[in-house]
C-alpha atoms as a PDB file:
ATOM      1  CA  MET A   1      48.596 -17.299 -31.349  1.00  0.00           C
ATOM      2  CA  LYS A   2      44.895 -17.550 -32.931  1.00  0.00           C
ATOM      3  CA  ASN A   3      43.719 -15.615 -29.435  1.00  0.00           C
ATOM      4  CA  VAL A   4      45.768 -12.886 -30.239  1.00  0.00           C
ATOM      5  CA  PHE A   5      44.920 -12.316 -33.543  1.00  0.00           C
ATOM      6  CA  ARG A   6      41.086 -12.578 -32.445  1.00  0.00           C
ATOM      7  CA  PHE A   7      42.061  -9.703 -29.691  1.00  0.00           C
ATOM      8  CA  LEU A   8      43.649  -7.511 -32.611  1.00  0.00           C
ATOM      9  CA  THR A   9      40.570  -7.851 -34.860  1.00  0.00           C
ATOM     10  CA  VAL A  10      38.209  -6.920 -32.091  1.00  0.00           C
ATOM     11  CA  PHE A  11      40.331  -4.045 -31.102  1.00  0.00           C
ATOM     12  CA  MET A  12      40.592  -2.861 -34.487  1.00  0.00           C
ATOM     13  CA  VAL A  13      36.715  -3.222 -35.538  1.00  0.00           C
ATOM     14  CA  LEU A  14      35.969  -1.448 -32.182  1.00  0.00           C
ATOM     15  CA  ALA A  15      38.668   1.352 -32.822  1.00  0.00           C
ATOM     16  CA  PHE A  16      37.030   1.997 -36.521  1.00  0.00           C
ATOM     17  CA  VAL A  17      33.601   1.923 -35.005  1.00  0.00           C
ATOM     18  CA  PHE A  18      34.271   4.592 -32.194  1.00  0.00           C
ATOM     19  CA  SER A  19      36.443   6.766 -34.349  1.00  0.00           C
ATOM     20  CA  THR A  20      33.823   6.605 -36.938  1.00  0.00           C
ATOM     21  CA  ASN A  21      31.292   7.700 -34.307  1.00  0.00           C
ATOM     22  CA  ALA A  22      33.613  10.948 -33.587  1.00  0.00           C
ATOM     23  CA  LEU A  23      32.065  12.368 -36.201  1.00  0.00           C
ATOM     24  CA  ALA A  24      28.439  11.780 -35.205  1.00  0.00           C
ATOM     25  CA  ALA A  25      28.198  13.774 -31.800  1.00  0.00           C
ATOM     26  CA  SER A  26      24.533  14.667 -30.643  1.00  0.00           C
ATOM     27  CA  LYS A  27      23.019  12.223 -33.289  1.00  0.00           C
ATOM     28  CA  VAL A  28      21.489   9.828 -31.146  1.00  0.00           C
ATOM     29  CA  SER A  29      18.982  10.907 -27.861  1.00  0.00           C
ATOM     30  CA  VAL A  30      17.486   8.576 -25.691  1.00  0.00           C
ATOM     31  CA  VAL A  31      14.297   9.467 -23.651  1.00  0.00           C
ATOM     32  CA  ARG A  32      13.595   7.635 -20.374  1.00  0.00           C
ATOM     33  CA  GLU A  33       9.696   7.168 -19.418  1.00  0.00           C
ATOM     34  CA  LEU A  34       8.816   6.136 -15.590  1.00  0.00           C
ATOM     35  CA  PRO A  35       5.526   5.981 -13.818  1.00  0.00           C
ATOM     36  CA  LEU A  36       4.813   8.841 -11.670  1.00  0.00           C
ATOM     37  CA  SER A  37       4.639   6.634  -8.331  1.00  0.00           C
ATOM     38  CA  SER A  38       5.369   3.098  -7.225  1.00  0.00           C
ATOM     39  CA  SER A  39       5.125   1.107  -3.875  1.00  0.00           C
ATOM     40  CA  PRO A  40       7.153  -1.119  -1.917  1.00  0.00           C
ATOM     41  CA  GLU A  41       7.353  -4.730  -3.165  1.00  0.00           C
ATOM     42  CA  SER A  42       5.695  -3.774  -6.469  1.00  0.00           C
ATOM     43  CA  SER A  43       7.648  -3.785  -9.800  1.00  0.00           C
ATOM     44  CA  PHE A  44       7.246  -1.330 -12.641  1.00  0.00           C
ATOM     45  CA  THR A  45       8.237  -1.045 -16.597  1.00  0.00           C
ATOM     46  CA  VAL A  46      10.922   1.511 -17.688  1.00  0.00           C
ATOM     47  CA  THR A  47      11.124   2.556 -21.343  1.00  0.00           C
ATOM     48  CA  LEU A  48      13.821   4.046 -23.108  1.00  0.00           C
ATOM     49  CA  SER A  49      13.076   5.227 -26.840  1.00  0.00           C
ATOM     50  CA  MET A  50      16.401   5.616 -28.923  1.00  0.00           C
ATOM     51  CA  ASP A  51      16.250   7.837 -31.416  1.00  0.00           C
ATOM     52  CA  VAL A  52      18.950   8.246 -34.322  1.00  0.00           C
ATOM     53  CA  ASN A  53      18.837  11.334 -36.250  1.00  0.00           C
ATOM     54  CA  GLU A  54      19.478   9.981 -39.969  1.00  0.00           C
ATOM     55  CA  SER A  55      19.396  13.686 -41.483  1.00  0.00           C
ATOM     56  CA  ASN A  56      22.654  14.380 -39.536  1.00  0.00           C
ATOM     57  CA  THR A  57      25.166  12.317 -41.395  1.00  0.00           C
ATOM     58  CA  PRO A  58      27.392  10.091 -40.880  1.00  0.00           C
ATOM     59  CA  ILE A  59      25.450   8.266 -38.830  1.00  0.00           C
ATOM     60  CA  PRO A  60      26.515   6.413 -35.784  1.00  0.00           C
ATOM     61  CA  VAL A  61      27.261   2.707 -36.464  1.00  0.00           C
ATOM     62  CA  ALA A  62      27.768   2.089 -32.623  1.00  0.00           C
ATOM     63  CA  VAL A  63      26.462   3.571 -29.258  1.00  0.00           C
ATOM     64  CA  GLY A  64      27.107   2.869 -25.463  1.00  0.00           C
ATOM     65  CA  LEU A  65      24.133   2.992 -23.457  1.00  0.00           C
ATOM     66  CA  THR A  66      24.159   3.251 -19.757  1.00  0.00           C
ATOM     67  CA  GLU A  67      21.459   3.382 -17.194  1.00  0.00           C
ATOM     68  CA  TYR A  68      21.536   3.802 -13.535  1.00  0.00           C
ATOM     69  CA  TYR A  69      18.770   2.551 -11.229  1.00  0.00           C
ATOM     70  CA  PRO A  70      18.621   2.869  -7.581  1.00  0.00           C
ATOM     71  CA  GLY A  71      21.231   0.993  -6.005  1.00  0.00           C
ATOM     72  CA  ASP A  72      19.516  -1.528  -3.897  1.00  0.00           C
ATOM     73  CA  TRP A  73      16.617  -2.281  -6.245  1.00  0.00           C
ATOM     74  CA  THR A  74      16.925  -5.170  -8.752  1.00  0.00           C
ATOM     75  CA  VAL A  75      15.823  -5.285 -12.436  1.00  0.00           C
ATOM     76  CA  SER A  76      14.926  -7.905 -14.941  1.00  0.00           C
ATOM     77  CA  ASN A  77      13.475  -8.761 -18.295  1.00  0.00           C
ATOM     78  CA  ILE A  78      16.277  -6.331 -19.551  1.00  0.00           C
ATOM     79  CA  SER A  79      15.663  -6.144 -23.472  1.00  0.00           C
ATOM     80  CA  ALA A  80      17.952  -5.781 -26.564  1.00  0.00           C
ATOM     81  CA  GLY A  81      20.487  -7.782 -24.493  1.00  0.00           C
ATOM     82  CA  GLY A  82      21.394  -5.328 -21.492  1.00  0.00           C
ATOM     83  CA  THR A  83      23.464  -6.473 -19.372  1.00  0.00           C
ATOM     84  CA  ASP A  84      22.700  -5.742 -15.236  1.00  0.00           C
ATOM     85  CA  LYS A  85      25.605  -4.340 -13.482  1.00  0.00           C
ATOM     86  CA  ASN A  86      24.019  -4.604  -9.963  1.00  0.00           C
ATOM     87  CA  GLY A  87      23.329  -0.620  -9.951  1.00  0.00           C
ATOM     88  CA  SER A  88      23.368   0.153 -13.913  1.00  0.00           C
ATOM     89  CA  ILE A  89      22.658  -1.709 -16.982  1.00  0.00           C
ATOM     90  CA  GLU A  90      24.842  -1.495 -20.009  1.00  0.00           C
ATOM     91  CA  TRP A  91      23.805  -2.031 -23.710  1.00  0.00           C
ATOM     92  CA  LEU A  92      26.185  -1.798 -26.662  1.00  0.00           C
ATOM     93  CA  PHE A  93      24.342  -1.447 -30.186  1.00  0.00           C
ATOM     94  CA  TRP A  94      26.775  -1.944 -33.199  1.00  0.00           C
ATOM     95  CA  SER A  95      26.752  -3.328 -36.854  1.00  0.00           C
ATOM     96  CA  MET A  96      29.873  -3.381 -38.863  1.00  0.00           C
ATOM     97  CA  GLY A  97      28.697  -1.134 -42.039  1.00  0.00           C
ATOM     98  CA  SER A  98      25.363  -0.634 -41.423  1.00  0.00           C
ATOM     99  CA  ALA A  99      23.837   2.334 -38.974  1.00  0.00           C
ATOM    100  CA  VAL A 100      22.204   2.151 -35.681  1.00  0.00           C
ATOM    101  CA  GLN A 101      18.389   2.441 -35.647  1.00  0.00           C
ATOM    102  CA  ASP A 102      15.922   3.399 -33.631  1.00  0.00           C
ATOM    103  CA  ARG A 103      14.653   1.469 -30.962  1.00  0.00           C
ATOM    104  CA  ASN A 104      12.506   0.805 -27.941  1.00  0.00           C
ATOM    105  CA  ILE A 105      14.254  -0.865 -24.966  1.00  0.00           C
ATOM    106  CA  THR A 106      12.522  -1.790 -21.776  1.00  0.00           C
ATOM    107  CA  TYR A 107      13.296  -3.381 -18.574  1.00  0.00           C
ATOM    108  CA  THR A 108      11.660  -4.111 -15.399  1.00  0.00           C
ATOM    109  CA  VAL A 109      12.376  -2.632 -11.836  1.00  0.00           C
ATOM    110  CA  HIS A 110      11.584  -4.264  -8.614  1.00  0.00           C
ATOM    111  CA  VAL A 111      10.975  -1.850  -5.489  1.00  0.00           C
ATOM    112  CA  PRO A 112      12.472  -3.992  -2.416  1.00  0.00           C
ATOM    113  CA  GLU A 113       9.856  -3.880   0.880  1.00  0.00           C
ATOM    114  CA  SER A 114      12.657  -1.770   2.789  1.00  0.00           C
ATOM    115  CA  ALA A 115      12.200   0.958   0.157  1.00  0.00           C
ATOM    116  CA  ASN A 116      11.527   4.558   1.884  1.00  0.00           C
ATOM    117  CA  ALA A 117       8.471   6.773   1.025  1.00  0.00           C
ATOM    118  CA  THR A 118      10.619   9.281  -0.750  1.00  0.00           C
ATOM    119  CA  THR A 119      11.949  10.375  -4.247  1.00  0.00           C
ATOM    120  CA  TYR A 120      14.337   7.750  -6.120  1.00  0.00           C
ATOM    121  CA  LEU A 121      16.513   9.078  -9.018  1.00  0.00           C
ATOM    122  CA  PHE A 122      17.604   7.378 -12.304  1.00  0.00           C
ATOM    123  CA  ASN A 123      20.139   8.506 -15.249  1.00  0.00           C
ATOM    124  CA  GLY A 124      22.027   7.169 -17.976  1.00  0.00           C
ATOM    125  CA  THR A 125      24.503   8.249 -20.648  1.00  0.00           C
ATOM    126  CA  VAL A 126      24.799   7.859 -24.468  1.00  0.00           C
ATOM    127  CA  ASP A 127      28.128   7.020 -25.841  1.00  0.00           C
ATOM    128  CA  ILE A 128      29.105   7.421 -29.557  1.00  0.00           C
ATOM    129  CA  GLY A 129      33.049   7.390 -29.027  1.00  0.00           C
ATOM    130  CA  ASP A 130      33.433  11.173 -28.794  1.00  0.00           C
ATOM    131  CA  ASP A 131      34.331  11.169 -24.907  1.00  0.00           C
ATOM    132  CA  ASN A 132      31.350  13.509 -24.588  1.00  0.00           C
ATOM    133  CA  PRO A 133      28.635  11.216 -23.539  1.00  0.00           C
ATOM    134  CA  THR A 134      25.132  12.751 -23.647  1.00  0.00           C
ATOM    135  CA  ILE A 135      22.425  12.757 -20.853  1.00  0.00           C
ATOM    136  CA  VAL A 136      19.297  10.349 -21.199  1.00  0.00           C
ATOM    137  CA  ALA A 137      16.522  12.984 -21.106  1.00  0.00           C
ATOM    138  CA  GLY A 138      12.647  12.130 -20.115  1.00  0.00           C
ATOM    139  CA  ASP A 139      12.017  11.228 -16.721  1.00  0.00           C
ATOM    140  CA  ASP A 140      14.491  10.765 -13.824  1.00  0.00           C
ATOM    141  CA  SER A 141      12.732  10.371 -10.689  1.00  0.00           C
ATOM    142  CA  ILE A 142       9.790   8.181  -9.263  1.00  0.00           C
ATOM    143  CA  ASN A 143       7.985   8.608  -5.983  1.00  0.00           C
ATOM    144  CA  ILE A 144       7.831   5.694  -3.632  1.00  0.00           C
ATOM    145  CA  VAL A 145       4.537   5.888  -1.870  1.00  0.00           C
ATOM    146  CA  PRO A 146       3.929   2.766   0.383  1.00  0.00           C
ATOM    147  CA  TYR A 147       0.725   0.906   0.952  1.00  0.00           C
ATOM    148  CA  THR A 148      -0.462   1.107   4.527  1.00  0.00           C
ATOM    149  CA  ILE A 149      -4.024   0.427   5.330  1.00  0.00           C
ATOM    150  CA  THR A 150      -5.862   0.237   8.998  1.00  0.00           C
ATOM    151  CA  ILE A 151      -9.039  -1.063  10.235  1.00  0.00           C
ATOM    152  CA  THR A 152      -9.852   0.096  13.393  1.00  0.00           C
ATOM    153  CA  ARG A 153     -12.857  -1.413  15.246  1.00  0.00           C
ATOM    154  CA  ASP A 154     -14.492   0.707  18.235  1.00  0.00           C
ATOM    155  CA  LEU A 155     -16.528  -1.090  20.533  1.00  0.00           C
ATOM    156  CA  PRO A 156     -18.416  -0.030  23.913  1.00  0.00           C
ATOM    157  CA  SER A 157     -16.720  -1.895  26.908  1.00  0.00           C
ATOM    158  CA  THR A 158     -20.114  -3.118  28.454  1.00  0.00           C
ATOM    159  CA  ALA A 159     -23.329  -4.347  26.457  1.00  0.00           C
ATOM    160  CA  TYR A 160     -26.342  -5.212  28.270  1.00  0.00           C
ATOM    161  CA  THR A 161     -28.360  -8.476  27.481  1.00  0.00           C
ATOM    162  CA  ASP A 162     -31.537  -7.576  25.336  1.00  0.00           C
ATOM    163  CA  SER A 163     -30.178  -4.281  23.907  1.00  0.00           C
ATOM    164  CA  ASN A 164     -28.572  -2.894  20.923  1.00  0.00           C
ATOM    165  CA  ILE A 165     -24.895  -1.756  20.539  1.00  0.00           C
ATOM    166  CA  THR A 166     -23.413  -0.237  17.133  1.00  0.00           C
ATOM    167  CA  VAL A 167     -19.923  -1.171  15.747  1.00  0.00           C
ATOM    168  CA  TYR A 168     -17.890   0.915  13.968  1.00  0.00           C
ATOM    169  CA  LEU A 169     -15.033   0.027  11.341  1.00  0.00           C
ATOM    170  CA  TYR A 170     -12.874   2.754  10.297  1.00  0.00           C
ATOM    171  CA  MET A 171     -10.544   2.005   7.338  1.00  0.00           C
ATOM    172  CA  GLY A 172      -7.465   4.387   6.734  1.00  0.00           C
ATOM    173  CA  VAL A 173      -5.900   4.303   3.531  1.00  0.00           C
ATOM    174  CA  SER A 174      -2.750   5.768   2.596  1.00  0.00           C
ATOM    175  CA  GLU A 175      -2.286   7.675  -0.885  1.00  0.00           C
ATOM    176  CA  ALA A 176      -1.018   4.299  -3.015  1.00  0.00           C
ATOM    177  CA  LYS A 177      -4.387   2.573  -2.781  1.00  0.00           C
ATOM    178  CA  PRO A 178      -4.911  -1.100  -4.197  1.00  0.00           C
ATOM    179  CA  ASN A 179      -7.845  -1.628  -6.724  1.00  0.00           C
ATOM    180  CA  ALA A 180      -9.826  -3.865  -4.804  1.00  0.00           C
ATOM    181  CA  LEU A 181     -10.103  -4.935  -0.808  1.00  0.00           C
ATOM    182  CA  GLY A 182     -11.964  -7.534   1.214  1.00  0.00           C
ATOM    183  CA  LEU A 183     -13.083  -7.398   4.585  1.00  0.00           C
ATOM    184  CA  VAL A 184     -14.388 -10.333   6.921  1.00  0.00           C
ATOM    185  CA  GLU A 185     -15.916  -8.959  10.245  1.00  0.00           C
ATOM    186  CA  PHE A 186     -16.619 -12.222  12.951  1.00  0.00           C
ATOM    187  CA  PHE A 187     -19.137 -11.434  15.949  1.00  0.00           C
ATOM    188  CA  PRO A 188     -20.063 -13.724  18.591  1.00  0.00           C
ATOM    189  CA  LEU A 189     -22.144 -16.914  17.314  1.00  0.00           C
ATOM    190  CA  GLY A 190     -25.974 -16.213  17.938  1.00  0.00           C
ATOM    191  CA  TRP A 191     -26.030 -12.664  18.079  1.00  0.00           C
ATOM    192  CA  THR A 192     -27.923 -10.873  15.384  1.00  0.00           C
ATOM    193  CA  VAL A 193     -26.746  -8.231  13.297  1.00  0.00           C
ATOM    194  CA  SER A 194     -28.632  -5.267  10.814  1.00  0.00           C
ATOM    195  CA  ASN A 195     -28.464  -2.291   9.596  1.00  0.00           C
ATOM    196  CA  ILE A 196     -25.107  -3.171   7.864  1.00  0.00           C
ATOM    197  CA  SER A 197     -23.447  -0.237   6.109  1.00  0.00           C
ATOM    198  CA  ASN A 198     -21.363  -0.258   2.477  1.00  0.00           C
ATOM    199  CA  GLY A 199     -22.943  -3.071   1.195  1.00  0.00           C
ATOM    200  CA  GLY A 200     -21.836  -5.589   3.641  1.00  0.00           C
ATOM    201  CA  ILE A 201     -23.478  -9.219   3.007  1.00  0.00           C
ATOM    202  CA  LYS A 202     -24.174 -11.007   7.027  1.00  0.00           C
ATOM    203  CA  ARG A 203     -23.046 -14.738   6.805  1.00  0.00           C
ATOM    204  CA  ASN A 204     -23.426 -16.840   9.919  1.00  0.00           C
ATOM    205  CA  SER A 205     -21.314 -15.315  12.210  1.00  0.00           C
ATOM    206  CA  SER A 206     -19.815 -12.712   9.840  1.00  0.00           C
ATOM    207  CA  ILE A 207     -20.143  -9.776   7.615  1.00  0.00           C
ATOM    208  CA  GLU A 208     -18.032  -9.487   4.155  1.00  0.00           C
ATOM    209  CA  TRP A 209     -17.471  -6.393   2.274  1.00  0.00           C
ATOM    210  CA  LEU A 210     -15.819  -5.910  -0.985  1.00  0.00           C
ATOM    211  CA  PHE A 211     -14.321  -2.471  -1.893  1.00  0.00           C
ATOM    212  CA  SER A 212     -13.469  -2.130  -5.363  1.00  0.00           C
ATOM    213  CA  SER A 213     -13.727   0.620  -8.148  1.00  0.00           C
ATOM    214  CA  LEU A 214     -16.786  -1.214  -9.497  1.00  0.00           C
ATOM    215  CA  THR A 215     -18.528  -0.837  -6.211  1.00  0.00           C
ATOM    216  CA  SER A 216     -17.317   1.177  -3.338  1.00  0.00           C
ATOM    217  CA  PRO A 217     -13.608   3.151  -3.918  1.00  0.00           C
ATOM    218  CA  VAL A 218     -10.564   1.604  -1.802  1.00  0.00           C
ATOM    219  CA  GLN A 219     -10.595   4.651   0.352  1.00  0.00           C
ATOM    220  CA  ASP A 220     -10.721   5.950   3.807  1.00  0.00           C
ATOM    221  CA  THR A 221     -14.201   4.724   4.790  1.00  0.00           C
ATOM    222  CA  ASN A 222     -16.256   4.581   7.973  1.00  0.00           C
ATOM    223  CA  ILE A 223     -18.270   1.358   8.245  1.00  0.00           C
ATOM    224  CA  SER A 224     -21.067   0.418  10.961  1.00  0.00           C
ATOM    225  CA  TYR A 225     -23.221  -2.294  11.808  1.00  0.00           C
ATOM    226  CA  ILE A 226     -25.995  -2.909  14.628  1.00  0.00           C
ATOM    227  CA  ILE A 227     -25.266  -6.191  16.586  1.00  0.00           C
ATOM    228  CA  SER A 228     -28.247  -7.275  19.298  1.00  0.00           C
ATOM    229  CA  VAL A 229     -27.105  -8.883  22.401  1.00  0.00           C
ATOM    230  CA  PRO A 230     -29.102 -12.006  23.320  1.00  0.00           C
ATOM    231  CA  GLY A 231     -30.663 -12.284  26.719  1.00  0.00           C
ATOM    232  CA  ASP A 232     -28.673 -14.989  28.038  1.00  0.00           C
ATOM    233  CA  ALA A 233     -25.437 -13.615  27.080  1.00  0.00           C
ATOM    234  CA  ASN A 234     -23.083 -13.160  30.007  1.00  0.00           C
ATOM    235  CA  GLY A 235     -19.107 -12.573  30.105  1.00  0.00           C
ATOM    236  CA  THR A 236     -16.842 -11.122  27.509  1.00  0.00           C
ATOM    237  CA  TYR A 237     -17.426 -11.868  24.240  1.00  0.00           C
ATOM    238  CA  GLN A 238     -14.854 -11.573  21.284  1.00  0.00           C
ATOM    239  CA  PHE A 239     -14.693  -9.650  17.791  1.00  0.00           C
ATOM    240  CA  SER A 240     -12.045  -9.904  14.917  1.00  0.00           C
ATOM    241  CA  GLY A 241     -11.779  -9.318  11.172  1.00  0.00           C
ATOM    242  CA  GLN A 242      -9.131  -9.869   8.571  1.00  0.00           C
ATOM    243  CA  PHE A 243      -9.026  -7.614   5.293  1.00  0.00           C
ATOM    244  CA  ASN A 244      -7.186  -8.734   2.034  1.00  0.00           C
ATOM    245  CA  TYR A 245      -5.847  -6.571  -0.845  1.00  0.00           C
ATOM    246  CA  SER A 246      -3.490  -6.752  -3.687  1.00  0.00           C
ATOM    247  CA  THR A 247      -0.543  -4.675  -4.300  1.00  0.00           C
ATOM    248  CA  PRO A 248       1.294  -5.363  -8.269  1.00  0.00           C
ATOM    249  CA  ASN A 249       3.722  -7.467  -6.554  1.00  0.00           C
ATOM    250  CA  ALA A 250       2.013  -9.289  -3.429  1.00  0.00           C
ATOM    251  CA  ASP A 251      -1.165 -10.025  -1.868  1.00  0.00           C
ATOM    252  CA  ILE A 252      -1.483  -9.033   1.422  1.00  0.00           C
ATOM    253  CA  SER A 253      -3.305 -10.139   4.159  1.00  0.00           C
ATOM    254  CA  ASP A 254      -3.754  -8.100   7.391  1.00  0.00           C
ATOM    255  CA  ASP A 255      -5.740  -8.101  10.843  1.00  0.00           C
ATOM    256  CA  THR A 256      -8.141  -5.531  12.264  1.00  0.00           C
ATOM    257  CA  THR A 257      -6.983  -3.537  15.001  1.00  0.00           C
ATOM    258  CA  GLY A 258      -8.805  -1.554  17.898  1.00  0.00           C
ATOM    259  CA  ASP A 259     -11.189  -2.942  20.430  1.00  0.00           C
ATOM    260  CA  ASP A 260     -11.565  -6.498  20.338  1.00  0.00           C
ATOM    261  CA  SER A 261     -14.307  -7.631  23.279  1.00  0.00           C
ATOM    262  CA  VAL A 262     -16.965  -6.736  25.176  1.00  0.00           C
ATOM    263  CA  ASN A 263     -18.606  -7.488  28.262  1.00  0.00           C
ATOM    264  CA  ALA A 264     -22.273  -8.725  28.301  1.00  0.00           C
ATOM    265  CA  THR A 265     -24.129  -8.095  31.142  1.00  0.00           C
ATOM    266  CA  ASP A 266     -27.622  -7.761  33.033  1.00  0.00           C
ATOM    267  CA  GLN A 267     -29.066  -4.244  33.312  1.00  0.00           C
ATOM    268  CA  CYS A 268     -29.486  -3.204  36.931  1.00  0.00           C
ATOM    269  CA  ALA A 269     -32.721  -1.893  37.786  1.00  0.00           C
ATOM    270  CA  LEU A 270     -31.181   1.230  39.202  1.00  0.00           C
ATOM    271  CA  MET A 271     -29.807   3.789  36.742  1.00  0.00           C
ATOM    272  CA  GLY A 272     -25.970   4.013  37.292  1.00  0.00           C
ATOM    273  CA  ASP A 273     -26.031   0.684  38.982  1.00  0.00           C
ATOM    274  CA  THR A 274     -23.447  -2.018  37.771  1.00  0.00           C
ATOM    275  CA  PRO A 275     -23.315  -5.858  38.047  1.00  0.00           C
ATOM    276  CA  PRO A 276     -23.468  -7.299  40.728  1.00  0.00           C
ATOM    277  CA  CYS A 277     -26.668  -5.369  40.862  1.00  0.00           C
ATOM    278  CA  GLY A 278     -27.611  -3.814  44.181  1.00  0.00           C
ATOM    279  CA  GLU A 279     -23.829  -3.910  45.316  1.00  0.00           C
ATOM    280  CA  ILE A 280     -23.306   0.095  45.001  1.00  0.00           C
ATOM    281  CA  GLY A 281     -20.050   1.734  45.500  1.00  0.00           C
ATOM    282  CA  ILE A 282     -18.249   5.124  45.697  1.00  0.00           C
ATOM    283  CA  PRO A 283     -17.017   4.420  41.562  1.00  0.00           C
ATOM    284  CA  GLU A 284     -20.970   4.181  40.755  1.00  0.00           C
ATOM    285  CA  ILE A 285     -21.507   7.392  42.424  1.00  0.00           C
ATOM    286  CA  VAL A 286     -18.977   9.375  41.120  1.00  0.00           C
ATOM    287  CA  ASN A 287     -19.743   8.150  37.829  1.00  0.00           C
ATOM    288  CA  VAL A 288     -23.680   9.130  38.160  1.00  0.00           C
ATOM    289  CA  ILE A 289     -22.293  12.408  39.482  1.00  0.00           C
ATOM    290  CA  THR A 290     -19.977  12.996  36.399  1.00  0.00           C
ATOM    291  CA  GLN A 291     -22.891  11.605  33.999  1.00  0.00           C
ATOM    292  CA  TRP A 292     -25.474  13.968  35.532  1.00  0.00           C
ATOM    293  CA  ALA A 293     -23.050  17.091  35.289  1.00  0.00           C
ATOM    294  CA  ALA A 294     -22.461  16.189  31.365  1.00  0.00           C
ATOM    295  CA  GLY A 295     -26.443  16.495  31.327  1.00  0.00           C
ATOM    296  CA  ASN A 296     -26.568  12.316  30.329  1.00  0.00           C
ATOM    297  CA  MET A 297     -28.917  11.456  33.612  1.00  0.00           C
ATOM    298  CA  SER A 298     -31.463  13.095  35.821  1.00  0.00           C
ATOM    299  CA  LEU A 299     -31.602  14.173  39.205  1.00  0.00           C
ATOM    300  CA  ASN A 300     -33.953  11.834  40.541  1.00  0.00           C
ATOM    301  CA  ASP A 301     -31.798   8.771  39.188  1.00  0.00           C
ATOM    302  CA  ILE A 302     -28.917  10.349  40.897  1.00  0.00           C
ATOM    303  CA  ILE A 303     -31.019  10.624  44.330  1.00  0.00           C
ATOM    304  CA  ALA A 304     -32.073   7.172  43.968  1.00  0.00           C
ATOM    305  CA  LEU A 305     -28.828   5.587  43.629  1.00  0.00           C
ATOM    306  CA  ILE A 306     -27.471   7.658  46.524  1.00  0.00           C
ATOM    307  CA  ASN A 307     -30.039   6.523  48.944  1.00  0.00           C
ATOM    308  CA  ALA A 308     -29.381   3.005  48.068  1.00  0.00           C
ATOM    309  CA  TRP A 309     -25.900   3.261  48.476  1.00  0.00           C
ATOM    310  CA  ALA A 310     -26.666   4.734  52.079  1.00  0.00           C
ATOM    311  CA  HIS A 311     -29.283   2.131  53.025  1.00  0.00           C
ATOM    312  CA  GLY A 312     -26.886  -0.771  51.517  1.00  0.00           C
ATOM    313  CA  SER A 313     -29.069  -2.046  49.013  1.00  0.00           C
END
């Protein structure tokens, strides 16, 4: 019997509240504020500013607010007692005998890793009990731009002993840019480097770069350094690299791509000959003719190589 009495009491209170609100159409407005863009695995705050027009009496004593966010996203830190309904949030503001007041409402949205690079919509309604809810105004969409960063290494396939080669690292950055990025490049132990671009710092067998708003911004960048091949180098030598950056909701570590090795060998006496020196074959002849046609080799060098090939030395 007590439960029935309580139910009737609550029902009568709410009936009074919403019947009073029926006289107060369009007296409450809510404006949404969103950032322009976000990224997968990040979070952002949504602000709802509720304004009550106190000059338009009677002022409503209860307001229902429903906010709809992208269905497969999640929310947290909902202020003002809102209730998450998996795809929407509901608030009920009311006070018996007193008017609803202006307030700012916030909640945090978490963008899943699976979010596509597209535009996602938000919408909401404000209900004061007149069967004619109004639409939440302000920002109603956000662009999701993924963080996509690649660093690709470019190496020659062969490096001769006692010579220098240039290593190139090409950094490509998406529209969503982190505030800072650290890059470490590992080169063969015992080899020496010089002419490091972009403020890189040499360590024992590595080079470190820091890109940030305080140094060099994180953007499409060409990085290079020169490495000297020792006289006793022989065989295949490995290069590798790793870079790290932070998004608003995650720390990301990734590996460089591209060329990851170089073959170190002695340079043969005859131009166009390749190790093992003196064992000249058709591939070397075809290559030097191609190089000569492109203007990269003299006619004398070609004749010398052809003669050595013809005599088997």
